[in-house]
C-alpha atoms as a PDB file:
ATOM      1  CA  PHE A   1      16.744   6.630   3.659  1.00  0.00           C
ATOM      2  CA  ASN A   2      19.041   8.839   0.795  1.00  0.00           C
ATOM      3  CA  LYS A   3      21.328   5.519   0.776  1.00  0.00           C
ATOM      4  CA  TRP A   4      19.081   2.895  -1.126  1.00  0.00           C
ATOM      5  CA  ALA A   5      20.313   3.435  -4.506  1.00  0.00           C
ATOM      6  CA  ALA A   6      23.525   1.677  -3.311  1.00  0.00           C
ATOM      7  CA  VAL A   7      21.634  -1.830  -2.556  1.00  0.00           C
ATOM      8  CA  SER A   8      20.298  -1.495  -5.888  1.00  0.00           C
ATOM      9  CA  LYS A   9      20.072   0.801  -9.344  1.00  0.00           C
ATOM     10  CA  PHE A  10      16.248   0.458  -9.308  1.00  0.00           C
ATOM     11  CA  CYS A  11      16.230   2.257  -5.670  1.00  0.00           C
ATOM     12  CA  SER A  12      16.990   4.889  -7.345  1.00  0.00           C
ATOM     13  CA  SER A  13      14.254   6.052  -9.607  1.00  0.00           C
ATOM     14  CA  ASN A  14      11.673   9.190  -9.254  1.00  0.00           C
ATOM     15  CA  LYS A  15       9.303   6.450  -8.180  1.00  0.00           C
ATOM     16  CA  GLN A  16      10.089   4.886  -5.495  1.00  0.00           C
ATOM     17  CA  SER A  17       7.905   5.203  -1.790  1.00  0.00           C
ATOM     18  CA  PRO A  18       6.657   8.489  -0.833  1.00  0.00           C
ATOM     19  CA  ILE A  19       5.299   9.627  -3.625  1.00  0.00           C
ATOM     20  CA  ASN A  20       3.155  12.379  -4.059  1.00  0.00           C
ATOM     21  CA  ILE A  21      -0.372  11.843  -6.626  1.00  0.00           C
ATOM     22  CA  ASP A  22      -0.627  15.082  -8.687  1.00  0.00           C
ATOM     23  CA  LYS A  23      -4.047  14.974  -9.773  1.00  0.00           C
ATOM     24  CA  THR A  24      -3.622  16.865 -12.433  1.00  0.00           C
ATOM     25  CA  LYS A  25      -1.280  14.604 -13.925  1.00  0.00           C
ATOM     26  CA  VAL A  26      -3.114  11.889 -13.299  1.00  0.00           C
ATOM     27  CA  LYS A  27      -4.746  10.480 -16.396  1.00  0.00           C
ATOM     28  CA  LYS A  28      -7.502   6.783 -16.263  1.00  0.00           C
ATOM     29  CA  ASN A  29      -6.159   3.775 -18.561  1.00  0.00           C
ATOM     30  CA  ARG A  30      -9.760   1.909 -18.926  1.00  0.00           C
ATOM     31  CA  GLN A  31      -8.388  -0.675 -20.735  1.00  0.00           C
ATOM     32  CA  LEU A  32      -6.771  -1.864 -17.473  1.00  0.00           C
ATOM     33  CA  GLY A  33      -9.786  -2.801 -16.642  1.00  0.00           C
ATOM     34  CA  LYS A  34     -11.298  -3.762 -12.237  1.00  0.00           C
ATOM     35  CA  ILE A  35      -8.946  -4.975  -9.791  1.00  0.00           C
ATOM     36  CA  SER A  36     -10.700  -8.746  -8.833  1.00  0.00           C
ATOM     37  CA  PHE A  37     -10.992  -8.610  -4.981  1.00  0.00           C
ATOM     38  CA  ILE A  38     -10.959 -12.414  -4.243  1.00  0.00           C
ATOM     39  CA  GLY A  39     -12.288 -13.601  -0.682  1.00  0.00           C
ATOM     40  CA  TYR A  40     -11.767  -9.953   0.799  1.00  0.00           C
ATOM     41  CA  ASP A  41     -15.340 -10.211   1.676  1.00  0.00           C
ATOM     42  CA  ILE A  42     -14.708 -13.108   4.339  1.00  0.00           C
ATOM     43  CA  PRO A  43     -13.649 -12.501   7.392  1.00  0.00           C
ATOM     44  CA  LEU A  44     -10.141 -13.579   8.175  1.00  0.00           C
ATOM     45  CA  GLN A  45     -10.291 -16.370  11.005  1.00  0.00           C
ATOM     46  CA  SER A  46      -6.797 -16.237  11.999  1.00  0.00           C
ATOM     47  CA  ALA A  47      -4.993 -12.965  12.103  1.00  0.00           C
ATOM     48  CA  MET A  48      -2.084 -10.883  14.061  1.00  0.00           C
ATOM     49  CA  ILE A  49      -2.329  -7.530  15.029  1.00  0.00           C
ATOM     50  CA  LYS A  50       0.629  -5.728  16.318  1.00  0.00           C
ATOM     51  CA  ASN A  51       2.171  -2.551  17.669  1.00  0.00           C
ATOM     52  CA  ASN A  52       5.727  -2.602  16.035  1.00  0.00           C
ATOM     53  CA  GLY A  53       6.671   0.236  17.637  1.00  0.00           C
ATOM     54  CA  HIS A  54       5.990   2.665  14.294  1.00  0.00           C
ATOM     55  CA  THR A  55       2.581   1.220  13.162  1.00  0.00           C
ATOM     56  CA  ALA A  56      -0.069  -0.842  13.839  1.00  0.00           C
ATOM     57  CA  GLN A  57       0.383  -3.980  11.682  1.00  0.00           C
ATOM     58  CA  VAL A  58      -2.094  -6.935  10.755  1.00  0.00           C
ATOM     59  CA  THR A  59      -0.674 -10.512   9.728  1.00  0.00           C
ATOM     60  CA  VAL A  60      -2.656 -13.074   8.425  1.00  0.00           C
ATOM     61  CA  THR A  61      -1.130 -16.440   9.616  1.00  0.00           C
ATOM     62  CA  GLY A  62      -4.334 -18.994   8.651  1.00  0.00           C
ATOM     63  CA  ASN A  63      -4.473 -20.588   5.641  1.00  0.00           C
ATOM     64  CA  GLN A  64      -7.246 -17.647   4.540  1.00  0.00           C
ATOM     65  CA  SER A  65      -5.429 -16.513   1.122  1.00  0.00           C
ATOM     66  CA  PRO A  66      -7.403 -12.924   0.006  1.00  0.00           C
ATOM     67  CA  ALA A  67      -6.047 -12.320  -3.501  1.00  0.00           C
ATOM     68  CA  ILE A  68      -6.143  -9.363  -5.947  1.00  0.00           C
ATOM     69  CA  GLU A  69      -5.832  -9.847  -9.618  1.00  0.00           C
ATOM     70  CA  ALA A  70      -6.761  -8.679 -12.938  1.00  0.00           C
ATOM     71  CA  GLY A  71      -7.330  -4.678 -13.294  1.00  0.00           C
ATOM     72  CA  GLY A  72      -3.720  -4.764 -15.350  1.00  0.00           C
ATOM     73  CA  LEU A  73      -1.449  -6.020 -12.853  1.00  0.00           C
ATOM     74  CA  GLY A  74      -0.473  -9.305 -14.796  1.00  0.00           C
ATOM     75  CA  ASN A  75      -0.472 -11.650 -11.948  1.00  0.00           C
ATOM     76  CA  MET A  76      -2.065 -12.515  -9.137  1.00  0.00           C
ATOM     77  CA  TYR A  77      -0.994 -10.841  -5.258  1.00  0.00           C
ATOM     78  CA  THR A  78      -2.034 -12.703  -2.117  1.00  0.00           C
ATOM     79  CA  PHE A  79      -2.542 -10.886   0.698  1.00  0.00           C
ATOM     80  CA  LEU A  80      -0.650 -11.432   3.470  1.00  0.00           C
ATOM     81  CA  GLN A  81      -0.093  -8.673   5.127  1.00  0.00           C
ATOM     82  CA  LEU A  82      -1.115  -4.953   6.074  1.00  0.00           C
ATOM     83  CA  HIS A  83       0.248  -1.996   8.075  1.00  0.00           C
ATOM     84  CA  PHE A  84      -0.959   1.763   9.115  1.00  0.00           C
ATOM     85  CA  HIS A  85       0.887   4.975   8.950  1.00  0.00           C
ATOM     86  CA  TRP A  86      -1.048   7.646  11.294  1.00  0.00           C
ATOM     87  CA  GLY A  87      -0.175  10.753  12.934  1.00  0.00           C
ATOM     88  CA  LYS A  88      -0.787  12.931  15.950  1.00  0.00           C
ATOM     89  CA  TYR A  89      -2.349  15.909  13.911  1.00  0.00           C
ATOM     90  CA  ASP A  90      -4.377  15.777  10.483  1.00  0.00           C
ATOM     91  CA  SER A  91      -1.711  17.369   8.932  1.00  0.00           C
ATOM     92  CA  ARG A  92       1.194  14.184   9.014  1.00  0.00           C
ATOM     93  CA  GLY A  93       0.617  10.870   9.260  1.00  0.00           C
ATOM     94  CA  SER A  94       0.570   9.454   5.956  1.00  0.00           C
ATOM     95  CA  GLU A  95       3.458   8.378   3.961  1.00  0.00           C
ATOM     96  CA  HIS A  96       2.885   9.716   0.526  1.00  0.00           C
ATOM     97  CA  THR A  97       0.723  12.586  -0.533  1.00  0.00           C
ATOM     98  CA  VAL A  98      -2.090  13.836  -2.908  1.00  0.00           C
ATOM     99  CA  ASN A  99      -1.343  17.197  -4.478  1.00  0.00           C
ATOM    100  CA  GLY A 100       1.548  17.581  -1.675  1.00  0.00           C
ATOM    101  CA  LYS A 101      -0.670  17.539   0.907  1.00  0.00           C
ATOM    102  CA  LYS A 102      -0.380  14.829   4.022  1.00  0.00           C
ATOM    103  CA  TYR A 103      -3.404  13.092   5.794  1.00  0.00           C
ATOM    104  CA  PRO A 104      -3.640  11.568   9.411  1.00  0.00           C
ATOM    105  CA  LEU A 105      -4.215   7.994   8.521  1.00  0.00           C
ATOM    106  CA  GLU A 106      -2.292   6.121   5.441  1.00  0.00           C
END
């Protein structure tokens, strides 16, 4: 969708989704530390799985609040939903690319 810049100037950046991860340019910042996963080792007790027509979406519907923090994030981020992108063939499906290559699932 090439009209996002009209919504906000931040949407015209070259850091918007989808992105290509160029492994020759990736640099690890050891000062960030590790991301801390909270509650991800406990199975969700209440969630809804839905096919919304273009993706499979999992939404937390109960009181559980798996979260991540640290690793340079600055805040704690609580899990609310996730969704998958997939394709019919191995060469497409993923929204983002690694070294210009698409994968069947993301």
